[in-house]
Amino acid sequence: MGGERKEVRSNGLEKVRRDRIQGAGGRAGRVAPEPDINIIDATDDGVLLQCEVRGAAPKPRVEWQDRDGNKLPAKEPQVSERGDRYHITLQTTVTKTSCCRCVVTQEETNRRTHAEIYVAIIVEMSIWTKILGAVGILAVVLGVAAAAFLFHRNNNKNKYYKFES
């Protein structure tokens, strides 16, 4: 998208955290921390989002989903282990305005947590794109005016007037 830049509006990085406990997730030593979502970069390719889960035990499954729960493509997760705790980072690129969720699921404890972010991608025209657009419109208007003038002039040449004295 040459000459254009993307502006990311995320309502002040609006993050909505939800915690759903679907089973016996309260066992001692079992932790399902809430994910943390951040905007890493905005380029012509889209907006790079990052989800971080720190100190989870046991190791959870982390994935990006759209608002309807469909899995979004993501890079390979970066996983580090510290004792019996896991730190997981997962990135995805969003290419259109949408609400995205980072979902953390611990199969062993039947616990699920997620955080959401709304990303509005606005394509803004550069000043040169605006200038070229205005010049193009002006050229069309001048072309129509010139054609009308020539048409009118040619029609008047074909008329003969008789003057009597």
N, C-alpha and C. Protein backbone atom coordinates (compact mmCIF):
# COMPACT_ATOMS: atom_id res chain seq x y z
N MET A 1 0.83 -1.17 0.00
CA MET A 1 0.00 0.00 0.00
C MET A 1 0.87 1.23 0.00
N GLY A 2 1.56 1.46 -1.08
CA GLY A 2 2.46 2.60 -1.16
C GLY A 2 1.74 3.91 -0.94
N GLY A 3 2.38 4.78 -0.16
CA GLY A 3 1.81 6.09 0.08
C GLY A 3 0.73 6.12 1.14
N GLU A 4 0.44 5.00 1.73
CA GLU A 4 -0.59 4.96 2.75
C GLU A 4 0.02 4.42 4.04
N ARG A 5 -0.56 4.83 5.17
CA ARG A 5 -0.08 4.29 6.42
C ARG A 5 -1.26 3.76 7.21
N LYS A 6 -0.99 2.82 8.08
CA LYS A 6 -2.06 2.25 8.88
C LYS A 6 -2.02 2.85 10.27
N GLU A 7 -3.17 3.18 10.75
CA GLU A 7 -3.29 3.68 12.11
C GLU A 7 -4.04 2.63 12.90
N VAL A 8 -3.55 2.32 14.07
CA VAL A 8 -4.19 1.32 14.90
C VAL A 8 -4.92 2.01 16.02
N ARG A 9 -6.18 1.73 16.12
CA ARG A 9 -6.94 2.24 17.24
C ARG A 9 -7.48 1.04 18.00
N SER A 10 -7.19 1.00 19.25
CA SER A 10 -7.64 -0.15 20.03
C SER A 10 -8.36 0.31 21.28
N ASN A 11 -9.04 1.43 21.19
CA ASN A 11 -9.79 1.95 22.33
C ASN A 11 -8.92 1.95 23.58
N GLY A 12 -7.74 2.52 23.48
CA GLY A 12 -6.83 2.57 24.61
C GLY A 12 -6.36 1.19 25.02
N LEU A 13 -6.11 0.34 24.05
CA LEU A 13 -5.74 -1.05 24.31
C LEU A 13 -6.77 -1.70 25.22
N GLU A 14 -8.00 -1.63 24.79
CA GLU A 14 -9.10 -2.16 25.59
C GLU A 14 -8.93 -3.67 25.71
N LYS A 15 -8.69 -4.09 26.90
CA LYS A 15 -8.52 -5.51 27.17
C LYS A 15 -9.66 -5.95 28.09
N VAL A 16 -10.33 -6.97 27.70
CA VAL A 16 -11.41 -7.49 28.52
C VAL A 16 -10.98 -8.86 28.98
N ARG A 17 -10.89 -9.02 30.25
CA ARG A 17 -10.46 -10.31 30.80
C ARG A 17 -11.67 -11.08 31.30
N ARG A 18 -11.70 -12.35 30.95
CA ARG A 18 -12.78 -13.20 31.40
C ARG A 18 -12.16 -14.48 31.95
N ASP A 19 -12.73 -14.98 32.98
CA ASP A 19 -12.24 -16.20 33.58
C ASP A 19 -13.40 -17.17 33.69
N ARG A 20 -13.29 -18.29 33.04
CA ARG A 20 -14.34 -19.30 33.13
C ARG A 20 -13.77 -20.55 33.75
N ILE A 21 -14.29 -20.92 34.88
CA ILE A 21 -13.85 -22.16 35.53
C ILE A 21 -14.91 -23.20 35.20
N GLN A 22 -14.48 -24.25 34.50
CA GLN A 22 -15.43 -25.25 34.06
C GLN A 22 -15.29 -26.54 34.87
N GLY A 23 -14.39 -26.57 35.80
CA GLY A 23 -14.21 -27.80 36.56
C GLY A 23 -13.44 -27.53 37.83
N ALA A 24 -12.76 -28.53 38.30
CA ALA A 24 -12.01 -28.42 39.55
C ALA A 24 -10.68 -27.77 39.29
N GLY A 25 -10.67 -26.45 39.10
CA GLY A 25 -9.45 -25.74 38.78
C GLY A 25 -8.77 -25.18 40.01
N GLY A 26 -9.32 -25.35 41.18
CA GLY A 26 -8.77 -24.74 42.37
C GLY A 26 -7.80 -25.61 43.13
N ARG A 27 -7.20 -26.60 42.53
CA ARG A 27 -6.25 -27.47 43.21
C ARG A 27 -4.99 -26.71 43.59
N ALA A 28 -4.39 -27.07 44.69
CA ALA A 28 -3.16 -26.40 45.14
C ALA A 28 -2.06 -26.62 44.11
N GLY A 29 -1.30 -25.54 43.83
CA GLY A 29 -0.19 -25.63 42.89
C GLY A 29 -0.61 -25.54 41.43
N ARG A 30 -1.90 -25.44 41.19
CA ARG A 30 -2.40 -25.34 39.81
C ARG A 30 -2.77 -23.89 39.56
N VAL A 31 -2.11 -23.29 38.57
CA VAL A 31 -2.33 -21.87 38.30
C VAL A 31 -2.64 -21.67 36.83
N ALA A 32 -3.72 -20.94 36.55
CA ALA A 32 -4.05 -20.56 35.17
C ALA A 32 -4.09 -19.04 35.13
N PRO A 33 -2.92 -18.40 34.99
CA PRO A 33 -2.90 -16.95 34.99
C PRO A 33 -3.59 -16.37 33.76
N GLU A 34 -4.08 -15.14 33.93
CA GLU A 34 -4.73 -14.46 32.82
C GLU A 34 -3.67 -14.06 31.80
N PRO A 35 -4.00 -14.19 30.53
CA PRO A 35 -3.05 -13.77 29.50
C PRO A 35 -2.98 -12.25 29.42
N ASP A 36 -1.85 -11.76 28.95
CA ASP A 36 -1.63 -10.33 28.76
C ASP A 36 -1.43 -10.10 27.27
N ILE A 37 -2.22 -9.18 26.68
CA ILE A 37 -2.16 -8.90 25.25
C ILE A 37 -1.52 -7.53 25.01
N ASN A 38 -0.62 -7.47 24.03
CA ASN A 38 0.01 -6.21 23.64
C ASN A 38 0.10 -6.09 22.13
N ILE A 39 0.04 -4.85 21.64
CA ILE A 39 0.29 -4.57 20.22
C ILE A 39 1.80 -4.37 20.09
N ILE A 40 2.43 -5.18 19.25
CA ILE A 40 3.87 -5.13 19.08
C ILE A 40 4.26 -4.19 17.95
N ASP A 41 3.50 -4.26 16.82
CA ASP A 41 3.86 -3.46 15.66
C ASP A 41 2.67 -3.33 14.73
N ALA A 42 2.66 -2.25 13.95
CA ALA A 42 1.65 -2.05 12.91
C ALA A 42 2.39 -1.72 11.62
N THR A 43 2.18 -2.57 10.61
CA THR A 43 2.86 -2.39 9.32
C THR A 43 1.82 -2.51 8.21
N ASP A 44 2.30 -2.45 6.96
CA ASP A 44 1.41 -2.66 5.83
C ASP A 44 0.85 -4.08 5.80
N ASP A 45 1.53 -5.02 6.46
CA ASP A 45 1.08 -6.41 6.50
C ASP A 45 -0.02 -6.64 7.53
N GLY A 46 -0.19 -5.70 8.47
CA GLY A 46 -1.21 -5.86 9.51
C GLY A 46 -0.68 -5.43 10.86
N VAL A 47 -1.39 -5.83 11.89
CA VAL A 47 -1.03 -5.48 13.26
C VAL A 47 -0.57 -6.74 13.97
N LEU A 48 0.64 -6.69 14.53
CA LEU A 48 1.21 -7.83 15.23
C LEU A 48 0.79 -7.77 16.69
N LEU A 49 0.04 -8.79 17.14
CA LEU A 49 -0.40 -8.89 18.52
C LEU A 49 0.41 -9.97 19.23
N GLN A 50 0.65 -9.73 20.51
CA GLN A 50 1.39 -10.71 21.30
C GLN A 50 0.61 -11.04 22.56
N CYS A 51 0.50 -12.32 22.85
CA CYS A 51 -0.15 -12.80 24.07
C CYS A 51 0.93 -13.46 24.93
N GLU A 52 0.96 -13.06 26.21
CA GLU A 52 1.91 -13.66 27.14
C GLU A 52 1.17 -14.28 28.31
N VAL A 53 1.59 -15.48 28.65
CA VAL A 53 1.06 -16.19 29.80
C VAL A 53 2.27 -16.50 30.68
N ARG A 54 2.26 -15.99 31.90
CA ARG A 54 3.41 -16.16 32.80
C ARG A 54 3.05 -17.01 34.01
N GLY A 55 3.89 -17.96 34.31
CA GLY A 55 3.76 -18.74 35.54
C GLY A 55 2.63 -19.74 35.56
N ALA A 56 2.28 -20.30 34.42
CA ALA A 56 1.19 -21.27 34.37
C ALA A 56 1.68 -22.65 34.80
N ALA A 57 0.83 -23.35 35.51
CA ALA A 57 1.13 -24.73 35.89
C ALA A 57 -0.20 -25.47 36.04
N PRO A 58 -0.35 -26.61 35.39
CA PRO A 58 0.55 -27.26 34.44
C PRO A 58 0.59 -26.48 33.12
N LYS A 59 1.38 -27.00 32.17
CA LYS A 59 1.56 -26.32 30.89
C LYS A 59 0.21 -26.22 30.16
N PRO A 60 -0.19 -24.98 29.81
CA PRO A 60 -1.47 -24.80 29.13
C PRO A 60 -1.32 -24.79 27.61
N ARG A 61 -2.44 -24.88 26.94
CA ARG A 61 -2.50 -24.66 25.49
C ARG A 61 -2.90 -23.20 25.32
N VAL A 62 -2.18 -22.47 24.48
CA VAL A 62 -2.47 -21.06 24.22
C VAL A 62 -2.76 -20.90 22.74
N GLU A 63 -3.86 -20.21 22.42
CA GLU A 63 -4.19 -19.99 21.02
C GLU A 63 -4.94 -18.67 20.86
N TRP A 64 -4.84 -18.13 19.64
CA TRP A 64 -5.59 -16.93 19.27
C TRP A 64 -6.88 -17.36 18.62
N GLN A 65 -7.98 -16.66 18.96
CA GLN A 65 -9.28 -16.93 18.35
C GLN A 65 -9.95 -15.62 17.96
N ASP A 66 -10.85 -15.72 16.98
CA ASP A 66 -11.67 -14.56 16.65
C ASP A 66 -12.86 -14.54 17.61
N ARG A 67 -13.74 -13.56 17.45
CA ARG A 67 -14.88 -13.39 18.35
C ARG A 67 -15.79 -14.62 18.36
N ASP A 68 -15.84 -15.35 17.22
CA ASP A 68 -16.71 -16.52 17.11
C ASP A 68 -16.06 -17.80 17.63
N GLY A 69 -14.83 -17.69 18.10
CA GLY A 69 -14.15 -18.87 18.63
C GLY A 69 -13.35 -19.65 17.61
N ASN A 70 -13.23 -19.13 16.40
CA ASN A 70 -12.42 -19.79 15.37
C ASN A 70 -10.94 -19.51 15.62
N LYS A 71 -10.14 -20.55 15.48
CA LYS A 71 -8.70 -20.42 15.71
C LYS A 71 -8.06 -19.55 14.63
N LEU A 72 -7.22 -18.61 15.05
CA LEU A 72 -6.51 -17.73 14.12
C LEU A 72 -5.09 -18.26 13.89
N PRO A 73 -4.55 -18.05 12.69
CA PRO A 73 -3.17 -18.47 12.46
C PRO A 73 -2.21 -17.68 13.35
N ALA A 74 -1.20 -18.35 13.84
CA ALA A 74 -0.24 -17.72 14.75
C ALA A 74 1.14 -18.30 14.50
N LYS A 75 2.14 -17.56 14.97
CA LYS A 75 3.52 -18.06 14.89
C LYS A 75 3.66 -19.20 15.91
N GLU A 76 4.78 -19.90 15.81
CA GLU A 76 5.06 -20.95 16.79
C GLU A 76 5.18 -20.33 18.18
N PRO A 77 4.57 -20.93 19.19
CA PRO A 77 4.69 -20.35 20.53
C PRO A 77 6.12 -20.46 21.06
N GLN A 78 6.51 -19.44 21.82
CA GLN A 78 7.80 -19.46 22.50
C GLN A 78 7.51 -19.91 23.93
N VAL A 79 8.11 -21.01 24.33
CA VAL A 79 7.84 -21.59 25.65
C VAL A 79 9.13 -21.68 26.44
N SER A 80 9.07 -21.17 27.68
CA SER A 80 10.20 -21.37 28.60
C SER A 80 9.65 -21.95 29.89
N GLU A 81 10.46 -22.81 30.49
CA GLU A 81 10.03 -23.49 31.71
C GLU A 81 10.90 -23.01 32.86
N ARG A 82 10.28 -22.62 33.94
CA ARG A 82 10.98 -22.19 35.16
C ARG A 82 10.46 -23.02 36.31
N GLY A 83 11.21 -24.04 36.64
CA GLY A 83 10.72 -24.97 37.66
C GLY A 83 9.53 -25.73 37.10
N ASP A 84 8.41 -25.69 37.81
CA ASP A 84 7.21 -26.34 37.29
C ASP A 84 6.24 -25.34 36.66
N ARG A 85 6.73 -24.12 36.39
CA ARG A 85 5.90 -23.06 35.80
C ARG A 85 6.32 -22.81 34.35
N TYR A 86 5.36 -22.41 33.55
CA TYR A 86 5.59 -22.16 32.13
C TYR A 86 5.30 -20.71 31.79
N HIS A 87 6.16 -20.15 30.94
CA HIS A 87 5.98 -18.82 30.39
C HIS A 87 5.83 -19.02 28.88
N ILE A 88 4.67 -18.61 28.34
CA ILE A 88 4.38 -18.85 26.92
C ILE A 88 4.05 -17.53 26.24
N THR A 89 4.67 -17.31 25.08
CA THR A 89 4.41 -16.13 24.26
C THR A 89 3.93 -16.60 22.90
N LEU A 90 2.81 -16.02 22.43
CA LEU A 90 2.24 -16.40 21.14
C LEU A 90 1.85 -15.13 20.38
N GLN A 91 2.27 -15.06 19.11
CA GLN A 91 2.00 -13.88 18.30
C GLN A 91 1.12 -14.23 17.10
N THR A 92 0.30 -13.26 16.70
CA THR A 92 -0.52 -13.38 15.50
C THR A 92 -0.56 -12.02 14.81
N THR A 93 -0.83 -12.03 13.51
CA THR A 93 -0.96 -10.80 12.75
C THR A 93 -2.41 -10.64 12.33
N VAL A 94 -2.99 -9.50 12.67
CA VAL A 94 -4.37 -9.18 12.33
C VAL A 94 -4.34 -8.26 11.13
N THR A 95 -5.15 -8.58 10.11
CA THR A 95 -5.14 -7.79 8.88
C THR A 95 -6.41 -6.98 8.65
N LYS A 96 -7.40 -7.15 9.52
CA LYS A 96 -8.63 -6.36 9.38
C LYS A 96 -9.18 -6.06 10.77
N THR A 97 -10.02 -5.05 10.84
CA THR A 97 -10.63 -4.66 12.11
C THR A 97 -11.36 -5.85 12.70
N SER A 98 -11.05 -6.16 13.95
CA SER A 98 -11.68 -7.33 14.58
C SER A 98 -11.44 -7.34 16.08
N CYS A 99 -12.17 -8.23 16.72
CA CYS A 99 -11.98 -8.50 18.14
C CYS A 99 -11.26 -9.85 18.23
N CYS A 100 -10.12 -9.88 18.90
CA CYS A 100 -9.32 -11.09 18.99
C CYS A 100 -9.20 -11.52 20.45
N ARG A 101 -9.11 -12.82 20.65
CA ARG A 101 -8.97 -13.39 21.99
C ARG A 101 -7.72 -14.24 22.07
N CYS A 102 -7.03 -14.10 23.18
CA CYS A 102 -5.96 -15.04 23.50
C CYS A 102 -6.56 -15.98 24.55
N VAL A 103 -6.65 -17.25 24.19
CA VAL A 103 -7.32 -18.23 25.05
C VAL A 103 -6.30 -19.18 25.65
N VAL A 104 -6.34 -19.30 26.98
CA VAL A 104 -5.43 -20.19 27.71
C VAL A 104 -6.27 -21.33 28.27
N THR A 105 -5.93 -22.56 27.89
CA THR A 105 -6.69 -23.73 28.34
C THR A 105 -5.76 -24.72 29.02
N GLN A 106 -6.13 -25.12 30.21
CA GLN A 106 -5.39 -26.16 30.92
C GLN A 106 -6.26 -27.41 30.93
N GLU A 107 -5.87 -28.35 30.09
CA GLU A 107 -6.66 -29.57 29.92
C GLU A 107 -6.79 -30.35 31.22
N GLU A 108 -5.70 -30.45 31.99
CA GLU A 108 -5.69 -31.26 33.21
C GLU A 108 -6.65 -30.75 34.27
N THR A 109 -6.80 -29.43 34.35
CA THR A 109 -7.66 -28.84 35.39
C THR A 109 -9.00 -28.38 34.83
N ASN A 110 -9.18 -28.52 33.52
CA ASN A 110 -10.42 -28.09 32.87
C ASN A 110 -10.71 -26.61 33.15
N ARG A 111 -9.64 -25.82 33.06
CA ARG A 111 -9.76 -24.38 33.32
C ARG A 111 -9.41 -23.61 32.05
N ARG A 112 -10.20 -22.55 31.79
CA ARG A 112 -9.98 -21.72 30.61
C ARG A 112 -10.07 -20.26 31.02
N THR A 113 -9.11 -19.49 30.51
CA THR A 113 -9.08 -18.05 30.75
C THR A 113 -8.81 -17.38 29.41
N HIS A 114 -9.31 -16.15 29.24
CA HIS A 114 -8.96 -15.45 28.01
C HIS A 114 -8.97 -13.94 28.23
N ALA A 115 -8.26 -13.27 27.35
CA ALA A 115 -8.25 -11.81 27.30
C ALA A 115 -8.61 -11.43 25.88
N GLU A 116 -9.28 -10.30 25.71
CA GLU A 116 -9.69 -9.83 24.39
C GLU A 116 -9.10 -8.47 24.11
N ILE A 117 -8.94 -8.21 22.82
CA ILE A 117 -8.53 -6.87 22.39
C ILE A 117 -9.28 -6.56 21.10
N TYR A 118 -9.75 -5.35 20.99
CA TYR A 118 -10.41 -4.88 19.77
C TYR A 118 -9.41 -4.02 19.02
N VAL A 119 -9.14 -4.38 17.78
CA VAL A 119 -8.19 -3.65 16.95
C VAL A 119 -8.93 -3.08 15.75
N ALA A 120 -8.90 -1.76 15.61
CA ALA A 120 -9.49 -1.10 14.45
C ALA A 120 -8.35 -0.68 13.54
N ILE A 121 -8.35 -1.18 12.34
CA ILE A 121 -7.30 -0.85 11.37
C ILE A 121 -7.89 0.17 10.40
N ILE A 122 -7.28 1.34 10.37
CA ILE A 122 -7.75 2.43 9.53
C ILE A 122 -6.66 2.77 8.53
N VAL A 123 -6.98 2.67 7.26
CA VAL A 123 -6.02 3.01 6.22
C VAL A 123 -6.21 4.48 5.90
N GLU A 124 -5.16 5.24 6.13
CA GLU A 124 -5.23 6.68 5.91
C GLU A 124 -4.39 7.05 4.70
N MET A 125 -4.96 7.90 3.84
CA MET A 125 -4.23 8.31 2.65
C MET A 125 -3.16 9.33 3.01
N SER A 126 -2.03 9.23 2.34
CA SER A 126 -0.96 10.20 2.55
C SER A 126 -1.33 11.50 1.84
N ILE A 127 -0.61 12.56 2.11
CA ILE A 127 -0.87 13.86 1.50
C ILE A 127 -0.68 13.78 -0.02
N TRP A 128 0.29 12.97 -0.48
CA TRP A 128 0.53 12.85 -1.92
C TRP A 128 -0.62 12.12 -2.60
N THR A 129 -1.19 11.15 -1.95
CA THR A 129 -2.35 10.46 -2.52
C THR A 129 -3.52 11.43 -2.65
N LYS A 130 -3.72 12.27 -1.64
CA LYS A 130 -4.79 13.27 -1.68
C LYS A 130 -4.54 14.28 -2.80
N ILE A 131 -3.29 14.74 -2.95
CA ILE A 131 -2.96 15.72 -4.00
C ILE A 131 -3.19 15.10 -5.38
N LEU A 132 -2.71 13.87 -5.59
CA LEU A 132 -2.91 13.21 -6.88
C LEU A 132 -4.39 13.01 -7.18
N GLY A 133 -5.18 12.68 -6.16
CA GLY A 133 -6.62 12.54 -6.34
C GLY A 133 -7.26 13.85 -6.75
N ALA A 134 -6.87 14.96 -6.10
CA ALA A 134 -7.42 16.28 -6.44
C ALA A 134 -7.01 16.68 -7.85
N VAL A 135 -5.76 16.43 -8.24
CA VAL A 135 -5.29 16.76 -9.59
C VAL A 135 -6.07 15.94 -10.61
N GLY A 136 -6.32 14.69 -10.33
CA GLY A 136 -7.09 13.83 -11.24
C GLY A 136 -8.51 14.35 -11.42
N ILE A 137 -9.15 14.73 -10.35
CA ILE A 137 -10.52 15.28 -10.43
C ILE A 137 -10.51 16.58 -11.22
N LEU A 138 -9.52 17.44 -10.95
CA LEU A 138 -9.41 18.71 -11.68
C LEU A 138 -9.21 18.47 -13.17
N ALA A 139 -8.39 17.49 -13.52
CA ALA A 139 -8.15 17.17 -14.93
C ALA A 139 -9.44 16.71 -15.62
N VAL A 140 -10.23 15.91 -14.94
CA VAL A 140 -11.50 15.45 -15.52
C VAL A 140 -12.44 16.63 -15.72
N VAL A 141 -12.55 17.50 -14.72
CA VAL A 141 -13.44 18.67 -14.83
C VAL A 141 -12.99 19.58 -15.97
N LEU A 142 -11.69 19.85 -16.08
CA LEU A 142 -11.18 20.69 -17.16
C LEU A 142 -11.39 20.03 -18.53
N GLY A 143 -11.22 18.74 -18.60
CA GLY A 143 -11.45 18.01 -19.85
C GLY A 143 -12.90 18.11 -20.31
N VAL A 144 -13.84 17.95 -19.37
CA VAL A 144 -15.26 18.08 -19.70
C VAL A 144 -15.57 19.51 -20.14
N ALA A 145 -15.02 20.49 -19.43
CA ALA A 145 -15.26 21.90 -19.79
C ALA A 145 -14.69 22.21 -21.18
N ALA A 146 -13.49 21.71 -21.48
CA ALA A 146 -12.88 21.94 -22.80
C ALA A 146 -13.70 21.28 -23.89
N ALA A 147 -14.19 20.08 -23.66
CA ALA A 147 -15.01 19.38 -24.65
C ALA A 147 -16.31 20.15 -24.90
N ALA A 148 -16.93 20.65 -23.85
CA ALA A 148 -18.18 21.42 -23.99
C ALA A 148 -17.91 22.71 -24.77
N PHE A 149 -16.79 23.37 -24.48
CA PHE A 149 -16.45 24.62 -25.19
C PHE A 149 -16.25 24.36 -26.68
N LEU A 150 -15.47 23.31 -27.01
CA LEU A 150 -15.21 22.99 -28.41
C LEU A 150 -16.48 22.58 -29.13
N PHE A 151 -17.33 21.83 -28.47
CA PHE A 151 -18.59 21.42 -29.08
C PHE A 151 -19.45 22.65 -29.38
N HIS A 152 -19.54 23.55 -28.43
CA HIS A 152 -20.34 24.77 -28.60
C HIS A 152 -19.75 25.66 -29.70
N ARG A 153 -18.44 25.79 -29.76
CA ARG A 153 -17.77 26.61 -30.78
C ARG A 153 -17.99 26.04 -32.17
N ASN A 154 -17.88 24.72 -32.30
CA ASN A 154 -18.09 24.09 -33.61
C ASN A 154 -19.53 24.22 -34.06
N ASN A 155 -20.47 24.15 -33.18
CA ASN A 155 -21.88 24.32 -33.55
C ASN A 155 -22.16 25.75 -34.01
N ASN A 156 -21.52 26.73 -33.41
CA ASN A 156 -21.73 28.12 -33.79
C ASN A 156 -21.07 28.44 -35.12
N LYS A 157 -20.01 27.79 -35.53
CA LYS A 157 -19.34 28.02 -36.81
C LYS A 157 -20.23 27.59 -37.97
N ASN A 158 -21.04 26.60 -37.75
CA ASN A 158 -21.87 26.08 -38.82
C ASN A 158 -23.14 26.90 -39.06
N LYS A 159 -23.39 27.89 -38.28
CA LYS A 159 -24.57 28.73 -38.46
C LYS A 159 -24.19 29.96 -39.26
N TYR A 160 -24.99 30.27 -40.30
CA TYR A 160 -24.73 31.44 -41.12
C TYR A 160 -25.85 32.45 -40.87
N TYR A 161 -25.43 33.64 -40.72
CA TYR A 161 -26.39 34.71 -40.48
C TYR A 161 -26.39 35.65 -41.67
N LYS A 162 -27.56 36.08 -42.09
CA LYS A 162 -27.66 37.06 -43.17
C LYS A 162 -27.98 38.40 -42.53
N PHE A 163 -27.24 39.36 -42.96
CA PHE A 163 -27.50 40.72 -42.50
C PHE A 163 -27.98 41.53 -43.69
N GLU A 164 -29.08 42.17 -43.55
CA GLU A 164 -29.58 43.02 -44.64
C GLU A 164 -29.38 44.47 -44.28
N SER A 165 -29.01 45.24 -45.27
CA SER A 165 -28.81 46.64 -45.00
C SER A 165 -29.97 47.50 -45.40
